[in-house]
N, C-alpha and C. Protein backbone atom coordinates (compact mmCIF):
# COMPACT_ATOMS: atom_id res chain seq x y z
N MET A 1 90.37 105.22 98.55
CA MET A 1 90.63 104.14 97.27
C MET A 1 90.23 104.72 95.73
N GLU A 2 91.22 105.37 95.74
CA GLU A 2 91.72 105.66 94.41
C GLU A 2 91.79 104.63 93.28
N PHE A 3 91.06 104.70 92.18
CA PHE A 3 90.98 103.82 90.97
C PHE A 3 91.16 104.82 89.46
N SER A 4 91.66 104.30 88.94
CA SER A 4 91.47 104.26 87.28
C SER A 4 90.13 103.97 86.32
N SER A 5 89.48 102.66 87.06
CA SER A 5 88.42 102.49 86.19
C SER A 5 87.67 101.78 87.06
N PRO A 6 86.37 101.45 86.57
CA PRO A 6 85.56 100.36 87.42
C PRO A 6 86.50 99.15 87.32
N ALA A 7 87.19 98.51 86.36
CA ALA A 7 87.95 97.41 86.72
C ALA A 7 88.49 97.12 87.29
N HIS A 8 89.16 98.33 87.71
CA HIS A 8 90.63 98.43 88.18
C HIS A 8 90.12 98.57 90.30
N LEU A 9 88.80 99.23 90.21
CA LEU A 9 87.96 99.46 91.51
C LEU A 9 87.54 98.16 92.01
N MET A 10 87.11 97.34 91.22
CA MET A 10 85.92 96.20 91.71
C MET A 10 87.21 95.32 92.04
N ASN A 11 88.40 95.14 90.96
CA ASN A 11 89.24 93.79 91.74
C ASN A 11 90.11 94.25 92.89
N ARG A 12 89.97 95.35 93.53
CA ARG A 12 90.46 95.74 94.78
C ARG A 12 89.14 95.15 95.69
N ILE A 13 88.45 94.88 95.39
CA ILE A 13 87.20 94.92 96.42
C ILE A 13 87.42 93.38 96.48
N PRO A 14 87.02 93.11 97.77
CA PRO A 14 86.97 91.51 98.12
C PRO A 14 85.62 90.88 97.71
N ARG A 15 85.45 89.88 96.77
CA ARG A 15 84.14 89.73 96.84
C ARG A 15 83.40 90.56 95.95
N PRO A 16 83.60 91.35 94.68
CA PRO A 16 82.85 92.47 94.19
C PRO A 16 81.60 92.04 94.28
N ARG A 17 81.56 90.94 93.96
CA ARG A 17 80.05 90.45 93.36
C ARG A 17 78.71 90.41 94.42
N ARG A 18 79.49 90.52 96.12
CA ARG A 18 78.79 90.25 97.03
C ARG A 18 78.22 91.62 97.60
N ALA A 19 79.50 92.17 97.27
CA ALA A 19 79.73 93.74 97.76
C ALA A 19 78.62 94.49 96.89
N LEU A 20 78.19 94.44 95.56
CA LEU A 20 77.48 94.51 94.41
C LEU A 20 75.99 94.31 95.30
N GLY A 21 76.07 93.46 95.32
CA GLY A 21 74.55 93.24 96.09
C GLY A 21 74.38 93.73 97.28
N VAL A 22 75.25 93.61 98.61
CA VAL A 22 74.56 94.37 99.51
C VAL A 22 74.56 96.27 99.51
N MET A 23 75.37 96.72 98.51
CA MET A 23 75.28 97.99 98.13
C MET A 23 73.71 98.45 97.03
N ARG A 24 73.33 97.37 96.70
CA ARG A 24 72.55 97.69 95.48
C ARG A 24 71.15 97.41 96.71
N ARG A 25 71.08 96.70 98.12
CA ARG A 25 70.15 96.73 98.79
C ARG A 25 69.93 98.00 99.70
N MET A 26 71.05 98.51 100.03
CA MET A 26 71.12 99.84 100.15
C MET A 26 70.92 101.08 99.94
N ARG A 27 70.91 100.98 98.23
CA ARG A 27 70.36 101.55 97.75
C ARG A 27 68.67 101.84 97.52
N LEU A 28 68.53 100.34 97.56
CA LEU A 28 66.35 100.53 97.81
C LEU A 28 66.19 100.69 98.96
N GLY A 29 66.92 101.22 100.08
CA GLY A 29 66.78 101.78 101.13
C GLY A 29 66.74 100.71 102.34
N TYR A 30 67.51 99.55 102.45
CA TYR A 30 67.81 98.75 103.41
C TYR A 30 68.85 98.49 104.06
N PRO A 31 68.87 99.94 105.05
CA PRO A 31 70.22 100.36 105.33
C PRO A 31 71.09 98.75 106.49
N ILE A 32 72.17 99.05 106.18
CA ILE A 32 73.13 97.84 107.38
C ILE A 32 72.76 98.63 108.75
N LEU A 33 72.16 97.86 109.88
CA LEU A 33 71.79 98.27 111.01
C LEU A 33 72.70 97.58 112.24
N GLU A 34 72.88 98.76 112.96
CA GLU A 34 73.80 98.58 114.17
C GLU A 34 72.83 98.66 115.39
N ALA A 35 72.83 97.94 116.08
CA ALA A 35 72.64 98.47 117.82
C ALA A 35 73.23 98.66 118.46
N GLY A 36 73.34 99.94 118.40
CA GLY A 36 74.25 101.08 119.35
C GLY A 36 75.62 100.77 118.95
N PRO A 37 76.07 101.75 119.39
CA PRO A 37 77.63 101.74 119.37
C PRO A 37 78.78 101.08 119.81
N LEU A 38 78.04 100.38 120.86
CA LEU A 38 78.94 99.50 121.43
C LEU A 38 78.10 98.44 121.59
N ALA A 39 76.99 98.15 120.79
CA ALA A 39 76.40 97.18 120.49
C ALA A 39 77.16 95.82 119.24
N ILE A 40 77.41 94.23 119.55
CA ILE A 40 77.97 93.76 118.49
C ILE A 40 76.93 93.03 117.38
N THR A 41 75.69 93.30 117.44
CA THR A 41 74.85 93.22 116.89
C THR A 41 74.86 94.51 115.32
N THR A 42 74.71 93.55 114.15
CA THR A 42 74.39 94.06 112.64
C THR A 42 73.73 93.48 112.27
N TYR A 43 73.35 94.30 111.56
CA TYR A 43 71.72 93.41 110.53
C TYR A 43 72.37 93.81 108.94
N LEU A 44 71.70 93.06 108.24
CA LEU A 44 70.75 93.61 106.82
C LEU A 44 70.74 92.40 106.38
N ASP A 45 68.92 93.04 106.22
CA ASP A 45 68.27 91.54 105.97
C ASP A 45 68.72 90.56 104.52
N GLY A 46 69.47 88.76 104.89
CA GLY A 46 69.80 88.40 104.00
C GLY A 46 71.07 87.77 103.80
N TYR A 47 71.79 88.36 104.60
CA TYR A 47 73.33 88.52 104.75
C TYR A 47 73.69 88.64 105.89
N GLY A 48 73.16 88.56 106.73
CA GLY A 48 73.63 87.60 108.15
C GLY A 48 74.72 88.29 108.46
N ALA A 49 75.38 87.93 109.47
CA ALA A 49 76.60 88.10 110.06
C ALA A 49 77.63 88.69 108.99
N GLU A 50 77.72 88.11 107.50
CA GLU A 50 78.48 89.11 106.60
C GLU A 50 78.04 90.71 106.90
N ALA A 51 77.41 91.22 107.04
CA ALA A 51 76.91 92.53 107.11
C ALA A 51 77.42 93.53 108.01
N ALA A 52 78.16 92.78 109.17
CA ALA A 52 79.10 93.38 109.84
C ALA A 52 80.49 93.59 109.36
N LEU A 53 81.08 92.54 108.51
CA LEU A 53 81.70 92.37 107.32
C LEU A 53 81.96 93.48 106.42
N TRP A 54 80.93 93.47 106.21
CA TRP A 54 80.62 94.96 105.11
C TRP A 54 81.16 96.33 105.63
N LEU A 55 79.71 96.40 106.84
CA LEU A 55 80.11 97.90 107.59
C LEU A 55 81.33 98.08 107.97
N GLY A 56 82.26 97.56 107.84
CA GLY A 56 83.38 97.85 108.60
C GLY A 56 84.22 98.16 106.91
N TYR A 57 84.51 97.51 106.10
CA TYR A 57 85.25 97.77 104.88
C TYR A 57 83.91 98.95 104.03
N PHE A 58 82.97 98.81 104.35
CA PHE A 58 82.05 100.29 103.63
C PHE A 58 82.54 101.57 104.17
N ARG A 59 82.59 101.12 105.53
CA ARG A 59 83.14 102.44 106.66
C ARG A 59 84.71 103.07 106.70
N ARG A 60 85.24 102.00 106.31
CA ARG A 60 86.81 102.68 106.21
C ARG A 60 86.98 102.89 104.86
N ASN A 61 86.03 103.08 104.24
CA ASN A 61 86.64 103.70 102.71
C ASN A 61 85.53 104.83 102.44
N GLY A 62 84.66 105.10 103.50
CA GLY A 62 83.70 106.08 102.90
C GLY A 62 82.80 106.58 102.49
N TRP A 63 82.53 104.84 102.08
CA TRP A 63 81.38 104.81 101.28
C TRP A 63 79.90 104.32 101.64
N ILE A 64 80.12 105.23 103.23
CA ILE A 64 78.43 105.03 103.89
C ILE A 64 78.32 106.14 105.18
N ALA A 65 77.25 106.15 105.68
CA ALA A 65 76.65 107.52 106.31
C ALA A 65 76.09 107.04 107.50
N ALA A 66 76.20 107.19 108.60
CA ALA A 66 75.46 106.93 109.69
C ALA A 66 74.33 107.98 110.20
N GLN A 67 72.99 107.08 110.40
CA GLN A 67 71.92 108.10 110.85
C GLN A 67 71.17 107.07 111.73
N ASP A 68 71.58 108.45 113.17
CA ASP A 68 71.07 107.49 114.83
C ASP A 68 69.78 107.73 114.80
N TRP A 69 68.79 106.45 114.89
CA TRP A 69 67.43 106.62 114.83
C TRP A 69 67.75 106.34 116.69
N PRO A 70 66.09 107.13 116.91
CA PRO A 70 65.64 107.14 118.42
C PRO A 70 65.20 106.29 118.82
N ASN A 71 65.63 105.09 118.61
CA ASN A 71 65.60 104.01 119.52
C ASN A 71 67.04 103.54 119.74
N GLY A 72 67.81 103.98 119.53
CA GLY A 72 69.00 103.44 119.65
C GLY A 72 69.75 102.38 118.66
N VAL A 73 69.11 102.18 117.51
CA VAL A 73 69.78 101.94 116.80
C VAL A 73 70.72 103.39 115.84
N ARG A 74 71.62 102.28 114.78
CA ARG A 74 72.27 103.30 113.69
C ARG A 74 72.38 103.07 112.69
N ALA A 75 71.84 103.53 111.92
CA ALA A 75 71.38 102.83 110.28
C ALA A 75 72.07 103.70 109.69
N TRP A 76 72.92 102.79 108.67
CA TRP A 76 73.94 102.87 107.84
C TRP A 76 73.80 102.97 106.31
N PHE A 77 73.54 104.15 105.56
CA PHE A 77 73.25 104.04 104.37
C PHE A 77 74.20 104.63 103.42
N LEU A 78 74.35 104.34 102.06
CA LEU A 78 75.65 104.79 101.36
C LEU A 78 75.63 106.36 101.21
N SER A 79 76.51 106.69 101.34
CA SER A 79 77.11 108.33 101.17
C SER A 79 76.92 108.19 99.40
N ASP A 80 77.05 109.75 99.56
CA ASP A 80 77.31 110.27 97.69
C ASP A 80 78.70 109.61 97.24
N ARG A 81 79.68 109.05 98.11
CA ARG A 81 80.24 108.05 97.44
C ARG A 81 80.16 107.00 97.30
N GLY A 82 79.50 105.87 98.04
CA GLY A 82 79.25 105.24 98.12
C GLY A 82 78.63 104.96 96.43
N LEU A 83 77.19 105.57 96.47
CA LEU A 83 76.73 105.79 95.40
C LEU A 83 77.50 105.66 94.42
N ALA A 84 78.56 106.85 94.06
CA ALA A 84 79.00 107.09 92.78
C ALA A 84 79.83 105.20 92.58
N ILE A 85 80.46 104.89 93.96
CA ILE A 85 81.10 103.39 93.88
C ILE A 85 80.04 102.93 93.14
N LEU A 86 79.11 102.85 94.02
CA LEU A 86 77.76 101.86 93.39
C LEU A 86 77.96 102.03 91.55
N ALA A 87 77.59 102.78 91.65
CA ALA A 87 77.41 103.06 89.56
C ALA A 87 78.44 102.73 89.05
N LEU A 88 80.03 102.84 89.33
CA LEU A 88 80.94 102.24 88.64
C LEU A 88 80.68 100.73 88.50
N GLY A 89 80.66 100.06 89.98
CA GLY A 89 80.74 98.50 89.75
C GLY A 89 79.21 98.15 88.64
N GLU A 90 78.10 98.83 89.05
CA GLU A 90 76.83 98.27 88.42
C GLU A 90 77.39 98.12 86.42
N ASP A 91 78.53 99.20 85.98
CA ASP A 91 79.21 99.27 84.63
C ASP A 91 79.94 98.33 84.80
N TRP A 92 80.59 98.30 85.42
CA TRP A 92 81.64 96.95 85.32
C TRP A 92 80.92 95.83 85.46
N TRP A 93 80.29 95.35 85.92
CA TRP A 93 79.14 93.95 86.12
C TRP A 93 78.63 94.04 84.66
N GLN A 94 78.25 95.06 84.16
CA GLN A 94 77.61 95.37 82.98
C GLN A 94 78.51 94.78 81.69
N SER A 95 79.68 94.90 81.99
CA SER A 95 80.92 95.43 81.32
C SER A 95 81.24 93.32 80.98
N LEU A 96 80.85 92.76 81.86
CA LEU A 96 81.66 91.35 82.20
C LEU A 96 80.66 90.16 80.95
N THR A 97 81.45 89.50 80.83
CA THR A 97 81.06 88.50 79.75
C THR A 97 80.28 87.30 80.79
N TRP A 98 79.58 86.55 80.23
CA TRP A 98 78.58 85.94 81.15
C TRP A 98 79.70 85.01 81.68
N SER A 99 80.73 84.33 81.22
CA SER A 99 81.36 83.50 81.78
C SER A 99 82.25 84.51 82.86
N GLN A 100 82.55 85.63 82.99
CA GLN A 100 83.26 86.23 83.67
C GLN A 100 82.28 86.00 84.86
N ARG A 101 81.71 86.64 84.73
CA ARG A 101 80.23 86.58 85.26
C ARG A 101 80.20 85.27 86.49
N LEU A 102 80.14 83.61 85.51
CA LEU A 102 80.13 82.53 86.51
C LEU A 102 81.42 82.79 87.49
N VAL A 103 81.98 82.97 87.25
CA VAL A 103 83.26 82.73 87.87
C VAL A 103 83.28 83.63 89.27
N TYR A 104 82.84 85.12 89.46
CA TYR A 104 82.20 85.70 90.45
C TYR A 104 81.70 85.26 90.92
N TRP A 105 80.36 84.61 90.51
CA TRP A 105 79.44 83.87 91.29
C TRP A 105 79.70 82.77 92.10
N LEU A 106 81.00 82.22 91.39
CA LEU A 106 81.07 80.52 92.02
C LEU A 106 82.46 80.99 93.11
N SER A 107 82.76 82.31 92.91
CA SER A 107 83.91 82.67 93.92
C SER A 107 83.61 83.69 95.13
């Protein structure tokens, strides 16, 4: 996904406020967990089934990288590209007025 500005990028992400929330948690050391490559269980504390949707979206865009744990769980962390996207997203969020933020909070 190429972009010319943080606003351009964030307007192409579905539910950008939620995406920022997930990425912030991942940056703090909470990876998206996948219970093995053939399992249908995906988890990120506080995001429930939504974590599976973000896993697919982030993976398609190259924003995350997998780490296989010995217990069979695959942990997905932000890649360098994902961290760069998060930084752009944070800049975008800070550039919004309170009323613009409210629109994203309600959507």
